Each structure stands twice: as structure tokens, then as C-alpha cells.
Amino acid sequence: MAIRNARRQWKDSDVRAHRRPANRGELAVTNPFLNLECLKNQLNQPFFMEVIILLSWAIWMTRNNKIFKHVNASTQSCKNLFLLEMDALLLRAKKAYSPRLEDWISAIP
């Protein structure tokens, strides 16, 4: 159940990883370095790694809340946690990145 929720939350984020198509009878292979490069290109922001880390953290915390605190896991709760973490990041961001980061956060639906 937790894996399904994590997949749905990544899917809802509109961020896609690189996947090499599998040949018949093979599993699709993913390359973590290609995935990061693909995500970097999609986000096209200097703070792309922070976004990836904080979204992963939000998914992880949503999963843990479901397992250990019996809190209903939802895409919205994951998104809310992600936005809280991004707001905290905004307080620590370099002044040069703050306007772009603030614009990026406010553009999240």
C-alpha cells in the first residue's frame, strides 16, 4: 500500500524519470544518474536537487505517518508537507535564489 501511494504521489508531481524500454520478457531498467539528469532538465531550476530531496522526504514522511501514526495517507497531505518544507527552505535560501524559489513555490497548484 505504501509503495502504491509513493508512486501515485510521484506521478501527481508531474516529474518523470528516465526509463529505458524493456525488451519482451525483460524488466524495464532505470539508471539513477539518468533519472537525476532527466529530473534536473524537467525542473530547469538551480535548486532542482532540493526539490527532489524534499519531495522524497515528504513522501517518506507521509508513508511513515500512515504506518506508525495511522494517519490517512493522501496526495494532498504529501503536497502540504512538501510545501511546508519548501517554505522552510525559502528561509534558508541564498538571496540570489529566493525570488525564483518563491515564484516556483507559488506556481504549484
PDB file of N, CA and C in Angstrom:
ATOM      1  N   MET A   1       0.817  -1.194   0.000  1.00  0.00           N
ATOM      2  CA  MET A   1       0.000   0.000   0.000  1.00  0.00           C
ATOM      3  C   MET A   1       0.862   1.260   0.000  1.00  0.00           C
ATOM      4  N   ALA A   2       1.919   1.277   0.818  1.00  0.00           N
ATOM      5  CA  ALA A   2       2.779   2.460   0.901  1.00  0.00           C
ATOM      6  C   ALA A   2       3.486   2.712  -0.418  1.00  0.00           C
ATOM      7  N   ILE A   3       3.909   1.645  -1.093  1.00  0.00           N
ATOM      8  CA  ILE A   3       4.586   1.797  -2.385  1.00  0.00           C
ATOM      9  C   ILE A   3       3.625   2.377  -3.408  1.00  0.00           C
ATOM     10  N   ARG A   4       2.397   1.918  -3.402  1.00  0.00           N
ATOM     11  CA  ARG A   4       1.397   2.432  -4.331  1.00  0.00           C
ATOM     12  C   ARG A   4       1.162   3.922  -4.095  1.00  0.00           C
ATOM     13  N   ASN A   5       1.083   4.337  -2.823  1.00  0.00           N
ATOM     14  CA  ASN A   5       0.901   5.758  -2.508  1.00  0.00           C
ATOM     15  C   ASN A   5       2.091   6.580  -2.970  1.00  0.00           C
ATOM     16  N   ALA A   6       3.300   6.074  -2.757  1.00  0.00           N
ATOM     17  CA  ALA A   6       4.503   6.797  -3.187  1.00  0.00           C
ATOM     18  C   ALA A   6       4.513   6.959  -4.698  1.00  0.00           C
ATOM     19  N   ARG A   7       4.168   5.910  -5.410  1.00  0.00           N
ATOM     20  CA  ARG A   7       4.123   6.006  -6.877  1.00  0.00           C
ATOM     21  C   ARG A   7       3.089   7.023  -7.325  1.00  0.00           C
ATOM     22  N   ARG A   8       1.930   7.012  -6.672  1.00  0.00           N
ATOM     23  CA  ARG A   8       0.880   7.967  -7.040  1.00  0.00           C
ATOM     24  C   ARG A   8       1.332   9.400  -6.754  1.00  0.00           C
ATOM     25  N   GLN A   9       2.035   9.607  -5.643  1.00  0.00           N
ATOM     26  CA  GLN A   9       2.477  10.954  -5.291  1.00  0.00           C
ATOM     27  C   GLN A   9       3.537  11.458  -6.257  1.00  0.00           C
ATOM     28  N   TRP A  10       4.467  10.585  -6.668  1.00  0.00           N
ATOM     29  CA  TRP A  10       5.449  10.999  -7.681  1.00  0.00           C
ATOM     30  C   TRP A  10       4.736  11.288  -8.996  1.00  0.00           C
ATOM     31  N   LYS A  11       3.756  10.432  -9.347  1.00  0.00           N
ATOM     32  CA  LYS A  11       3.020  10.634 -10.599  1.00  0.00           C
ATOM     33  C   LYS A  11       2.288  11.973 -10.582  1.00  0.00           C
ATOM     34  N   ASP A  12       1.662  12.302  -9.467  1.00  0.00           N
ATOM     35  CA  ASP A  12       0.923  13.559  -9.349  1.00  0.00           C
ATOM     36  C   ASP A  12       1.830  14.778  -9.363  1.00  0.00           C
ATOM     37  N   SER A  13       3.123  14.577  -9.127  1.00  0.00           N
ATOM     38  CA  SER A  13       4.053  15.714  -9.104  1.00  0.00           C
ATOM     39  C   SER A  13       4.411  16.197 -10.511  1.00  0.00           C
ATOM     40  N   ASP A  14       4.005  15.466 -11.541  1.00  0.00           N
ATOM     41  CA  ASP A  14       4.319  15.800 -12.937  1.00  0.00           C
ATOM     42  C   ASP A  14       5.812  15.788 -13.230  1.00  0.00           C
ATOM     43  N   VAL A  15       6.575  15.069 -12.442  1.00  0.00           N
ATOM     44  CA  VAL A  15       8.007  14.900 -12.680  1.00  0.00           C
ATOM     45  C   VAL A  15       8.205  13.468 -13.136  1.00  0.00           C
ATOM     46  N   ARG A  16       8.854  13.284 -14.257  1.00  0.00           N
ATOM     47  CA  ARG A  16       9.026  11.952 -14.834  1.00  0.00           C
ATOM     48  C   ARG A  16      10.490  11.539 -14.835  1.00  0.00           C
ATOM     49  N   ALA A  17      10.725  10.294 -14.490  1.00  0.00           N
ATOM     50  CA  ALA A  17      12.080   9.742 -14.504  1.00  0.00           C
ATOM     51  C   ALA A  17      12.357   9.109 -15.865  1.00  0.00           C
ATOM     52  N   HIS A  18      13.621   8.898 -16.134  1.00  0.00           N
ATOM     53  CA  HIS A  18      14.042   8.252 -17.374  1.00  0.00           C
ATOM     54  C   HIS A  18      13.861   6.749 -17.236  1.00  0.00           C
ATOM     55  N   ARG A  19      13.272   6.119 -18.218  1.00  0.00           N
ATOM     56  CA  ARG A  19      13.135   4.657 -18.225  1.00  0.00           C
ATOM     57  C   ARG A  19      13.506   4.146 -19.605  1.00  0.00           C
ATOM     58  N   ARG A  20      14.401   3.183 -19.620  1.00  0.00           N
ATOM     59  CA  ARG A  20      14.747   2.530 -20.871  1.00  0.00           C
ATOM     60  C   ARG A  20      13.689   1.466 -21.111  1.00  0.00           C
ATOM     61  N   PRO A  21      13.081   1.447 -22.286  1.00  0.00           N
ATOM     62  CA  PRO A  21      12.056   0.441 -22.555  1.00  0.00           C
ATOM     63  C   PRO A  21      12.642  -0.963 -22.462  1.00  0.00           C
ATOM     64  N   ALA A  22      11.883  -1.851 -21.888  1.00  0.00           N
ATOM     65  CA  ALA A  22      12.342  -3.235 -21.753  1.00  0.00           C
ATOM     66  C   ALA A  22      12.040  -4.013 -23.024  1.00  0.00           C
ATOM     67  N   ASN A  23      12.926  -4.937 -23.329  1.00  0.00           N
ATOM     68  CA  ASN A  23      12.641  -5.886 -24.399  1.00  0.00           C
ATOM     69  C   ASN A  23      11.607  -6.868 -23.880  1.00  0.00           C
ATOM     70  N   ARG A  24      10.999  -7.561 -24.785  1.00  0.00           N
ATOM     71  CA  ARG A  24       9.982  -8.522 -24.391  1.00  0.00           C
ATOM     72  C   ARG A  24      10.579  -9.522 -23.390  1.00  0.00           C
ATOM     73  N   GLY A  25       9.907  -9.708 -22.276  1.00  0.00           N
ATOM     74  CA  GLY A  25      10.371 -10.652 -21.269  1.00  0.00           C
ATOM     75  C   GLY A  25      11.381 -10.069 -20.292  1.00  0.00           C
ATOM     76  N   GLU A  26      11.742  -8.791 -20.447  1.00  0.00           N
ATOM     77  CA  GLU A  26      12.699  -8.147 -19.535  1.00  0.00           C
ATOM     78  C   GLU A  26      11.979  -7.104 -18.697  1.00  0.00           C
ATOM     79  N   LEU A  27      12.557  -6.829 -17.555  1.00  0.00           N
ATOM     80  CA  LEU A  27      12.058  -5.721 -16.741  1.00  0.00           C
ATOM     81  C   LEU A  27      12.669  -4.427 -17.253  1.00  0.00           C
ATOM     82  N   ALA A  28      11.945  -3.341 -17.150  1.00  0.00           N
ATOM     83  CA  ALA A  28      12.497  -2.039 -17.536  1.00  0.00           C
ATOM     84  C   ALA A  28      13.630  -1.685 -16.575  1.00  0.00           C
ATOM     85  N   VAL A  29      14.695  -1.135 -17.113  1.00  0.00           N
ATOM     86  CA  VAL A  29      15.863  -0.790 -16.312  1.00  0.00           C
ATOM     87  C   VAL A  29      15.878   0.714 -16.100  1.00  0.00           C
ATOM     88  N   THR A  30      16.122   1.103 -14.872  1.00  0.00           N
ATOM     89  CA  THR A  30      16.264   2.525 -14.589  1.00  0.00           C
ATOM     90  C   THR A  30      17.691   2.786 -14.158  1.00  0.00           C
ATOM     91  N   ASN A  31      18.214   3.916 -14.559  1.00  0.00           N
ATOM     92  CA  ASN A  31      19.560   4.330 -14.197  1.00  0.00           C
ATOM     93  C   ASN A  31      19.422   5.551 -13.300  1.00  0.00           C
ATOM     94  N   PRO A  32      19.876   5.472 -12.045  1.00  0.00           N
ATOM     95  CA  PRO A  32      19.673   6.605 -11.137  1.00  0.00           C
ATOM     96  C   PRO A  32      20.301   7.902 -11.631  1.00  0.00           C
ATOM     97  N   PHE A  33      21.444   7.824 -12.309  1.00  0.00           N
ATOM     98  CA  PHE A  33      22.085   9.042 -12.799  1.00  0.00           C
ATOM     99  C   PHE A  33      21.294   9.651 -13.952  1.00  0.00           C
ATOM    100  N   LEU A  34      20.761   8.809 -14.827  1.00  0.00           N
ATOM    101  CA  LEU A  34      19.905   9.320 -15.900  1.00  0.00           C
ATOM    102  C   LEU A  34      18.612   9.899 -15.325  1.00  0.00           C
ATOM    103  N   ASN A  35      18.098   9.261 -14.270  1.00  0.00           N
ATOM    104  CA  ASN A  35      16.894   9.784 -13.620  1.00  0.00           C
ATOM    105  C   ASN A  35      17.133  11.185 -13.080  1.00  0.00           C
ATOM    106  N   LEU A  36      18.251  11.369 -12.386  1.00  0.00           N
ATOM    107  CA  LEU A  36      18.557  12.696 -11.840  1.00  0.00           C
ATOM    108  C   LEU A  36      18.738  13.723 -12.948  1.00  0.00           C
ATOM    109  N   GLU A  37      19.414  13.319 -14.017  1.00  0.00           N
ATOM    110  CA  GLU A  37      19.615  14.235 -15.148  1.00  0.00           C
ATOM    111  C   GLU A  37      18.274  14.607 -15.786  1.00  0.00           C
ATOM    112  N   CYS A  38      17.403  13.625 -15.926  1.00  0.00           N
ATOM    113  CA  CYS A  38      16.075  13.860 -16.506  1.00  0.00           C
ATOM    114  C   CYS A  38      15.253  14.796 -15.610  1.00  0.00           C
ATOM    115  N   LEU A  39      15.276  14.547 -14.312  1.00  0.00           N
ATOM    116  CA  LEU A  39      14.547  15.406 -13.378  1.00  0.00           C
ATOM    117  C   LEU A  39      15.120  16.818 -13.367  1.00  0.00           C
ATOM    118  N   LYS A  40      16.445  16.913 -13.434  1.00  0.00           N
ATOM    119  CA  LYS A  40      17.106  18.225 -13.476  1.00  0.00           C
ATOM    120  C   LYS A  40      16.645  19.015 -14.702  1.00  0.00           C
ATOM    121  N   ASN A  41      16.592  18.343 -15.848  1.00  0.00           N
ATOM    122  CA  ASN A  41      16.171  19.012 -17.083  1.00  0.00           C
ATOM    123  C   ASN A  41      14.706  19.430 -17.027  1.00  0.00           C
ATOM    124  N   GLN A  42      13.857  18.605 -16.429  1.00  0.00           N
ATOM    125  CA  GLN A  42      12.436  18.942 -16.338  1.00  0.00           C
ATOM    126  C   GLN A  42      12.188  20.126 -15.408  1.00  0.00           C
ATOM    127  N   LEU A  43      12.869  20.124 -14.273  1.00  0.00           N
ATOM    128  CA  LEU A  43      12.673  21.219 -13.317  1.00  0.00           C
ATOM    129  C   LEU A  43      13.312  22.507 -13.803  1.00  0.00           C
ATOM    130  N   ASN A  44      14.462  22.389 -14.454  1.00  0.00           N
ATOM    131  CA  ASN A  44      15.154  23.528 -15.059  1.00  0.00           C
ATOM    132  C   ASN A  44      15.323  24.689 -14.072  1.00  0.00           C
ATOM    133  N   GLN A  45      15.739  24.357 -12.858  1.00  0.00           N
ATOM    134  CA  GLN A  45      15.958  25.347 -11.808  1.00  0.00           C
ATOM    135  C   GLN A  45      17.278  25.038 -11.115  1.00  0.00           C
ATOM    136  N   PRO A  46      17.961  26.059 -10.591  1.00  0.00           N
ATOM    137  CA  PRO A  46      19.223  25.796  -9.894  1.00  0.00           C
ATOM    138  C   PRO A  46      19.022  25.036  -8.581  1.00  0.00           C
ATOM    139  N   PHE A  47      17.801  25.005  -8.072  1.00  0.00           N
ATOM    140  CA  PHE A  47      17.510  24.319  -6.814  1.00  0.00           C
ATOM    141  C   PHE A  47      16.805  22.977  -7.056  1.00  0.00           C
ATOM    142  N   PHE A  48      17.074  22.351  -8.211  1.00  0.00           N
ATOM    143  CA  PHE A  48      16.389  21.104  -8.569  1.00  0.00           C
ATOM    144  C   PHE A  48      16.632  19.998  -7.539  1.00  0.00           C
ATOM    145  N   MET A  49      17.850  19.902  -7.008  1.00  0.00           N
ATOM    146  CA  MET A  49      18.168  18.825  -6.072  1.00  0.00           C
ATOM    147  C   MET A  49      17.385  18.990  -4.766  1.00  0.00           C
ATOM    148  N   GLU A  50      17.209  20.209  -4.331  1.00  0.00           N
ATOM    149  CA  GLU A  50      16.423  20.456  -3.129  1.00  0.00           C
ATOM    150  C   GLU A  50      14.975  20.015  -3.329  1.00  0.00           C
ATOM    151  N   VAL A  51      14.437  20.268  -4.511  1.00  0.00           N
ATOM    152  CA  VAL A  51      13.065  19.855  -4.816  1.00  0.00           C
ATOM    153  C   VAL A  51      12.957  18.336  -4.762  1.00  0.00           C
ATOM    154  N   ILE A  52      13.900  17.644  -5.384  1.00  0.00           N
ATOM    155  CA  ILE A  52      13.872  16.182  -5.409  1.00  0.00           C
ATOM    156  C   ILE A  52      13.984  15.625  -3.989  1.00  0.00           C
ATOM    157  N   ILE A  53      14.913  16.160  -3.219  1.00  0.00           N
ATOM    158  CA  ILE A  53      15.122  15.668  -1.853  1.00  0.00           C
ATOM    159  C   ILE A  53      13.891  15.932  -0.987  1.00  0.00           C
ATOM    160  N   LEU A  54      13.332  17.140  -1.073  1.00  0.00           N
ATOM    161  CA  LEU A  54      12.188  17.468  -0.218  1.00  0.00           C
ATOM    162  C   LEU A  54      10.917  16.735  -0.637  1.00  0.00           C
ATOM    163  N   LEU A  55      10.740  16.477  -1.924  1.00  0.00           N
ATOM    164  CA  LEU A  55       9.582  15.683  -2.347  1.00  0.00           C
ATOM    165  C   LEU A  55       9.738  14.241  -1.876  1.00  0.00           C
ATOM    166  N   SER A  56      10.944  13.708  -1.980  1.00  0.00           N
ATOM    167  CA  SER A  56      11.200  12.352  -1.464  1.00  0.00           C
ATOM    168  C   SER A  56      10.944  12.302   0.039  1.00  0.00           C
ATOM    169  N   TRP A  57      11.402  13.324   0.756  1.00  0.00           N
ATOM    170  CA  TRP A  57      11.197  13.404   2.200  1.00  0.00           C
ATOM    171  C   TRP A  57       9.704  13.468   2.533  1.00  0.00           C
ATOM    172  N   ALA A  58       8.959  14.255   1.792  1.00  0.00           N
ATOM    173  CA  ALA A  58       7.521  14.380   2.048  1.00  0.00           C
ATOM    174  C   ALA A  58       6.808  13.046   1.819  1.00  0.00           C
ATOM    175  N   ILE A  59       7.199  12.341   0.767  1.00  0.00           N
ATOM    176  CA  ILE A  59       6.612  11.019   0.502  1.00  0.00           C
ATOM    177  C   ILE A  59       6.965  10.064   1.637  1.00  0.00           C
ATOM    178  N   TRP A  60       8.218  10.085   2.056  1.00  0.00           N
ATOM    179  CA  TRP A  60       8.668   9.212   3.142  1.00  0.00           C
ATOM    180  C   TRP A  60       7.903   9.508   4.440  1.00  0.00           C
ATOM    181  N   MET A  61       7.755  10.780   4.770  1.00  0.00           N
ATOM    182  CA  MET A  61       7.057  11.152   5.999  1.00  0.00           C
ATOM    183  C   MET A  61       5.566  10.812   5.923  1.00  0.00           C
ATOM    184  N   THR A  62       4.970  10.965   4.756  1.00  0.00           N
ATOM    185  CA  THR A  62       3.568  10.591   4.579  1.00  0.00           C
ATOM    186  C   THR A  62       3.401   9.093   4.797  1.00  0.00           C
ATOM    187  N   ARG A  63       4.332   8.328   4.261  1.00  0.00           N
ATOM    188  CA  ARG A  63       4.322   6.873   4.430  1.00  0.00           C
ATOM    189  C   ARG A  63       4.480   6.509   5.906  1.00  0.00           C
ATOM    190  N   ASN A  64       5.456   7.134   6.582  1.00  0.00           N
ATOM    191  CA  ASN A  64       5.680   6.841   7.998  1.00  0.00           C
ATOM    192  C   ASN A  64       4.478   7.231   8.853  1.00  0.00           C
ATOM    193  N   ASN A  65       3.854   8.353   8.533  1.00  0.00           N
ATOM    194  CA  ASN A  65       2.659   8.762   9.275  1.00  0.00           C
ATOM    195  C   ASN A  65       1.548   7.731   9.130  1.00  0.00           C
ATOM    196  N   LYS A  66       1.413   7.163   7.949  1.00  0.00           N
ATOM    197  CA  LYS A  66       0.397   6.137   7.726  1.00  0.00           C
ATOM    198  C   LYS A  66       0.711   4.881   8.531  1.00  0.00           C
ATOM    199  N   ILE A  67       1.966   4.452   8.497  1.00  0.00           N
ATOM    200  CA  ILE A  67       2.349   3.204   9.158  1.00  0.00           C
ATOM    201  C   ILE A  67       2.364   3.346  10.680  1.00  0.00           C
ATOM    202  N   PHE A  68       3.009   4.392  11.182  1.00  0.00           N
ATOM    203  CA  PHE A  68       3.250   4.486  12.618  1.00  0.00           C
ATOM    204  C   PHE A  68       2.220   5.313  13.383  1.00  0.00           C
ATOM    205  N   LYS A  69       1.616   6.289  12.733  1.00  0.00           N
ATOM    206  CA  LYS A  69       0.644   7.144  13.427  1.00  0.00           C
ATOM    207  C   LYS A  69      -0.787   6.880  12.968  1.00  0.00           C
ATOM    208  N   HIS A  70      -0.939   5.967  12.004  1.00  0.00           N
ATOM    209  CA  HIS A  70      -2.252   5.595  11.464  1.00  0.00           C
ATOM    210  C   HIS A  70      -3.008   6.804  10.925  1.00  0.00           C
ATOM    211  N   VAL A  71      -2.252   7.713  10.303  1.00  0.00           N
ATOM    212  CA  VAL A  71      -2.835   8.891   9.664  1.00  0.00           C
ATOM    213  C   VAL A  71      -3.116   8.524   8.214  1.00  0.00           C
ATOM    214  N   ASN A  72      -4.275   8.901   7.728  1.00  0.00           N
ATOM    215  CA  ASN A  72      -4.622   8.598   6.343  1.00  0.00           C
ATOM    216  C   ASN A  72      -3.627   9.246   5.386  1.00  0.00           C
ATOM    217  N   ALA A  73      -3.024   8.457   4.531  1.00  0.00           N
ATOM    218  CA  ALA A  73      -2.072   8.982   3.543  1.00  0.00           C
ATOM    219  C   ALA A  73      -2.842   9.443   2.315  1.00  0.00           C
ATOM    220  N   SER A  74      -2.536  10.649   1.885  1.00  0.00           N
ATOM    221  CA  SER A  74      -3.171  11.164   0.677  1.00  0.00           C
ATOM    222  C   SER A  74      -2.163  12.007  -0.082  1.00  0.00           C
ATOM    223  N   THR A  75      -2.439  12.196  -1.341  1.00  0.00           N
ATOM    224  CA  THR A  75      -1.577  13.044  -2.152  1.00  0.00           C
ATOM    225  C   THR A  75      -1.595  14.469  -1.608  1.00  0.00           C
ATOM    226  N   GLN A  76      -2.742  14.915  -1.141  1.00  0.00           N
ATOM    227  CA  GLN A  76      -2.851  16.277  -0.608  1.00  0.00           C
ATOM    228  C   GLN A  76      -2.020  16.453   0.656  1.00  0.00           C
ATOM    229  N   SER A  77      -2.022  15.453   1.544  1.00  0.00           N
ATOM    230  CA  SER A  77      -1.214  15.573   2.766  1.00  0.00           C
ATOM    231  C   SER A  77       0.271  15.579   2.429  1.00  0.00           C
ATOM    232  N   CYS A  78       0.662  14.810   1.424  1.00  0.00           N
ATOM    233  CA  CYS A  78       2.054  14.807   0.976  1.00  0.00           C
ATOM    234  C   CYS A  78       2.419  16.170   0.381  1.00  0.00           C
ATOM    235  N   LYS A  79       1.526  16.713  -0.414  1.00  0.00           N
ATOM    236  CA  LYS A  79       1.764  18.023  -1.027  1.00  0.00           C
ATOM    237  C   LYS A  79       1.869  19.113   0.038  1.00  0.00           C
ATOM    238  N   ASN A  80       0.995  19.057   1.046  1.00  0.00           N
ATOM    239  CA  ASN A  80       1.042  20.046   2.128  1.00  0.00           C
ATOM    240  C   ASN A  80       2.366  19.980   2.880  1.00  0.00           C
ATOM    241  N   LEU A  81       2.830  18.771   3.157  1.00  0.00           N
ATOM    242  CA  LEU A  81       4.109  18.606   3.838  1.00  0.00           C
ATOM    243  C   LEU A  81       5.253  19.122   2.969  1.00  0.00           C
ATOM    244  N   PHE A  82       5.195  18.822   1.678  1.00  0.00           N
ATOM    245  CA  PHE A  82       6.212  19.300   0.742  1.00  0.00           C
ATOM    246  C   PHE A  82       6.251  20.832   0.727  1.00  0.00           C
ATOM    247  N   LEU A  83       5.093  21.462   0.676  1.00  0.00           N
ATOM    248  CA  LEU A  83       5.039  22.929   0.655  1.00  0.00           C
ATOM    249  C   LEU A  83       5.549  23.537   1.963  1.00  0.00           C
ATOM    250  N   LEU A  84       5.267  22.886   3.083  1.00  0.00           N
ATOM    251  CA  LEU A  84       5.815  23.358   4.364  1.00  0.00           C
ATOM    252  C   LEU A  84       7.338  23.300   4.356  1.00  0.00           C
ATOM    253  N   GLU A  85       7.874  22.203   3.846  1.00  0.00           N
ATOM    254  CA  GLU A  85       9.331  22.050   3.778  1.00  0.00           C
ATOM    255  C   GLU A  85       9.941  23.053   2.799  1.00  0.00           C
ATOM    256  N   MET A  86       9.256  23.314   1.693  1.00  0.00           N
ATOM    257  CA  MET A  86       9.762  24.291   0.726  1.00  0.00           C
ATOM    258  C   MET A  86       9.743  25.697   1.327  1.00  0.00           C
ATOM    259  N   ASP A  87       8.720  26.011   2.114  1.00  0.00           N
ATOM    260  CA  ASP A  87       8.682  27.314   2.791  1.00  0.00           C
ATOM    261  C   ASP A  87       9.835  27.452   3.781  1.00  0.00           C
ATOM    262  N   ALA A  88      10.151  26.363   4.487  1.00  0.00           N
ATOM    263  CA  ALA A  88      11.291  26.392   5.414  1.00  0.00           C
ATOM    264  C   ALA A  88      12.596  26.567   4.640  1.00  0.00           C
ATOM    265  N   LEU A  89      12.684  25.927   3.484  1.00  0.00           N
ATOM    266  CA  LEU A  89      13.873  26.073   2.638  1.00  0.00           C
ATOM    267  C   LEU A  89      14.013  27.519   2.166  1.00  0.00           C
ATOM    268  N   LEU A  90      12.909  28.146   1.875  1.00  0.00           N
ATOM    269  CA  LEU A  90      12.923  29.534   1.407  1.00  0.00           C
ATOM    270  C   LEU A  90      13.580  30.461   2.433  1.00  0.00           C
ATOM    271  N   LEU A  91      13.400  30.166   3.700  1.00  0.00           N
ATOM    272  CA  LEU A  91      14.016  30.981   4.755  1.00  0.00           C
ATOM    273  C   LEU A  91      15.538  30.846   4.772  1.00  0.00           C
ATOM    274  N   ARG A  92      16.049  29.693   4.315  1.00  0.00           N
ATOM    275  CA  ARG A  92      17.491  29.443   4.333  1.00  0.00           C
ATOM    276  C   ARG A  92      18.147  29.660   2.975  1.00  0.00           C
ATOM    277  N   ALA A  93      17.374  29.979   1.969  1.00  0.00           N
ATOM    278  CA  ALA A  93      17.900  30.076   0.602  1.00  0.00           C
ATOM    279  C   ALA A  93      18.793  31.300   0.432  1.00  0.00           C
ATOM    280  N   LYS A  94      19.732  31.176  -0.503  1.00  0.00           N
ATOM    281  CA  LYS A  94      20.568  32.323  -0.853  1.00  0.00           C
ATOM    282  C   LYS A  94      19.675  33.419  -1.423  1.00  0.00           C
ATOM    283  N   LYS A  95      20.046  34.648  -1.160  1.00  0.00           N
ATOM    284  CA  LYS A  95      19.234  35.779  -1.640  1.00  0.00           C
ATOM    285  C   LYS A  95      19.076  35.767  -3.158  1.00  0.00           C
ATOM    286  N   ALA A  96      20.088  35.283  -3.866  1.00  0.00           N
ATOM    287  CA  ALA A  96      20.013  35.236  -5.329  1.00  0.00           C
ATOM    288  C   ALA A  96      18.942  34.256  -5.807  1.00  0.00           C
ATOM    289  N   TYR A  97      18.691  33.190  -5.031  1.00  0.00           N
ATOM    290  CA  TYR A  97      17.706  32.181  -5.427  1.00  0.00           C
ATOM    291  C   TYR A  97      16.314  32.442  -4.861  1.00  0.00           C
ATOM    292  N   SER A  98      16.215  33.274  -3.838  1.00  0.00           N
ATOM    293  CA  SER A  98      14.933  33.467  -3.147  1.00  0.00           C
ATOM    294  C   SER A  98      13.778  33.864  -4.065  1.00  0.00           C
ATOM    295  N   PRO A  99      13.938  34.865  -4.950  1.00  0.00           N
ATOM    296  CA  PRO A  99      12.793  35.227  -5.808  1.00  0.00           C
ATOM    297  C   PRO A  99      12.354  34.084  -6.729  1.00  0.00           C
ATOM    298  N   ARG A 100      13.323  33.385  -7.328  1.00  0.00           N
ATOM    299  CA  ARG A 100      12.964  32.267  -8.216  1.00  0.00           C
ATOM    300  C   ARG A 100      12.281  31.154  -7.441  1.00  0.00           C
ATOM    301  N   LEU A 101      12.810  30.857  -6.263  1.00  0.00           N
ATOM    302  CA  LEU A 101      12.238  29.798  -5.438  1.00  0.00           C
ATOM    303  C   LEU A 101      10.831  30.171  -4.984  1.00  0.00           C
ATOM    304  N   GLU A 102      10.659  31.417  -4.587  1.00  0.00           N
ATOM    305  CA  GLU A 102       9.337  31.880  -4.156  1.00  0.00           C
ATOM    306  C   GLU A 102       8.332  31.818  -5.309  1.00  0.00           C
ATOM    307  N   ASP A 103       8.745  32.224  -6.497  1.00  0.00           N
ATOM    308  CA  ASP A 103       7.873  32.138  -7.675  1.00  0.00           C
ATOM    309  C   ASP A 103       7.530  30.693  -7.994  1.00  0.00           C
ATOM    310  N   TRP A 104       8.530  29.819  -7.894  1.00  0.00           N
ATOM    311  CA  TRP A 104       8.324  28.400  -8.208  1.00  0.00           C
ATOM    312  C   TRP A 104       7.330  27.785  -7.225  1.00  0.00           C
ATOM    313  N   ILE A 105       7.494  28.094  -5.932  1.00  0.00           N
ATOM    314  CA  ILE A 105       6.591  27.555  -4.909  1.00  0.00           C
ATOM    315  C   ILE A 105       5.169  28.073  -5.125  1.00  0.00           C
ATOM    316  N   SER A 106       5.028  29.354  -5.420  1.00  0.00           N
ATOM    317  CA  SER A 106       3.684  29.923  -5.594  1.00  0.00           C
ATOM    318  C   SER A 106       2.996  29.417  -6.862  1.00  0.00           C
ATOM    319  N   ALA A 107       3.759  28.886  -7.802  1.00  0.00           N
ATOM    320  CA  ALA A 107       3.169  28.357  -9.038  1.00  0.00           C
ATOM    321  C   ALA A 107       2.652  26.927  -8.879  1.00  0.00           C
ATOM    322  N   ILE A 108       2.929  26.300  -7.743  1.00  0.00           N
ATOM    323  CA  ILE A 108       2.450  24.929  -7.512  1.00  0.00           C
ATOM    324  C   ILE A 108       0.947  24.990  -7.266  1.00  0.00           C
ATOM    325  N   PRO A 109       0.166  24.236  -8.054  1.00  0.00           N
ATOM    326  CA  PRO A 109      -1.302  24.298  -7.892  1.00  0.00           C
ATOM    327  C   PRO A 109      -1.786  23.663  -6.600  1.00  0.00           C
TER     328      PRO A 109
END
